[in-house]
């Protein structure tokens, strides 16, 4: 059951939002055949409630569906959304605490990581994903005993996601869409490489027709939501760009075609660490971003509408769903209730002695219950229900403060209990382990439960050896990435007229990583650079035929002479000032006066301040 527990823990980690906690008993797993069966899965009642999706959605992957969501207020649903948001924030805080505790770097941990890495590499080798016309195909081209895992291939094509909006800017309805014609992720045959090395396998990724469009000045009568299902299917498919067909849409990201070759080496020690564990080479023919004045304005208005919705969220319960004209009394009552209920009465209640006393009692009770949860190996349902009930009443700051105090008070008790378990022996310790300890040592338990024959069978399949040294050579380059863009264009236009365009030819990006020495190297180069203004006027003239720009960045180089190194080389060029182009761009990129985007500005300001603080601390340490 140990292997089932390992898989169940992984499934709980990623599916906890949608299903109740899975146990090993529900999981029937046949490791050597690749078959997995889940029994009696309980889907959470609120898994999809927040989406307010219409029913039925029995053929979502086959038939197009048009969803209309009404902006009505529901007390129960609103409380559920707030509760889920609070739970997500608490999970983020707990995850941050857990990451700060995970600082051990002993050799045993590195060995376990190596085992997990080998296992994941083997799964990746045999996992093939083809994104084409919603088609699931199971194939087996590798027989036992060389490979215990089966090949999985998934085909999906013609992906089209469309959003239509006539509310944010009533005078200019717009339509936003993301399209993808084909994505193929497959394993290449080792025989075609003529090297015969079974520890090295090759992945090919092909992407075709990825694009993002933003159609402005749309007629609401031509919206997809106004059509029947059959017409929607036809229109969606017609607007998907392919390598040989580009629909007439107002593209922000012009359709791109992309290929990538990846070489994965499961046993670099066999080649004296001369071949990286992962070597990726990506090739992109052309990358073009476009933006027009109308697209920029509609984007700002959409962000402003979202900002206004977030600002108005606390007052939705009092908001009348009536037009302003002819309903002045209702709207003035809404303004009165919003101020009195959310500000005046709230402050009066918060500073009331009875409320302060009750809040303090709830906090103490929550702290005691959370201590019981930390000290218990398996918390009962009634305890969890009481904790969740208090969490719904308490604010986030109070919950975090109470949890921190409970953790401090139980820290010594848990440490003494752990020492006692070690003295009692392994048999008692097996049944007294907490859930977190089991999750941390699940790989060790998995190894212990396997027979030597089964263990050898698995190790041979994934290319893992226990006696290998955990440390890699300092000079070993484990990861290499090479990215080449043939042509890169950034275009700003007004209708069909180009106001300015930045053109970069043959952009190369290279990155290497040495894990043992924690060395990261990054190089980039641009072969040619060209800038044009209004009417095609050249704004930049190159003075050299060499690379116009090259950048090298090193972190922790092998020679150890410095921690960070940056080298930038630029060839000579001449910039030309054109007043007409500058004034036109300033006028185009200036947001309308009635748009504030307060939330976006607050986030940007916070990020900038945190970045400047980190920079200042780094300079002080230096």
Foldseek 3Di string as FASTA:
>chain_A
DLVLQLVQVVCCVPCVLWWPRDDSVQWDDDQLQADIGGPDIGTDPVSCVLVVFDDDCPPVLPFPDDTDDDPADDPVSLLVVVLVVLVVVVVVVVVVVVVVPPDDDDQVVLLLVLVVVLVVVLVLQQEWEKAPCADWDFDADDDPDQASHGHTYTYHAWDKDKDWDCDLPVQKTKMKMWTWGIWTWDWDDPVVVVPPDPQKTKIKIKTWQTFIAMAIRDDPCPDLSVDDRVVNVVVSNVCGDGPVDHDPTHTQKGIWIKMKMKMAGSCCVVVVLPDARIAMEIETAETEGEDELRRLQSVLSVLLVVVVCVVCVVLSVQDDPDDCPPPVVSVVVSVVCCCCVVPVVVVVQVPDPVNVVVLVVLLVVLLVLLLVVVPDQDDDPVSVVSNSVSPSVDDSVSNVVSNVVSCVVCVVVVVVVVVVLVVVDDVSVVVPDHPVVCNVCSSVVVVVPDDPVVVVSVCSNSVDDSPDRSADDQPRWRYKYKYWYAKYKYFYAHVPFTAKMKIFGTKIKMWTARVRQRKIKIKIFTQDIWMAGGPRHTFKAFPDNGTQKMKIWMARDPVRPDGIDIDIDGGDMGGHDDPVSVVVVVVSNDHDPVRDSVVVVVVVVVVVVVVVVVVVVVVVVD
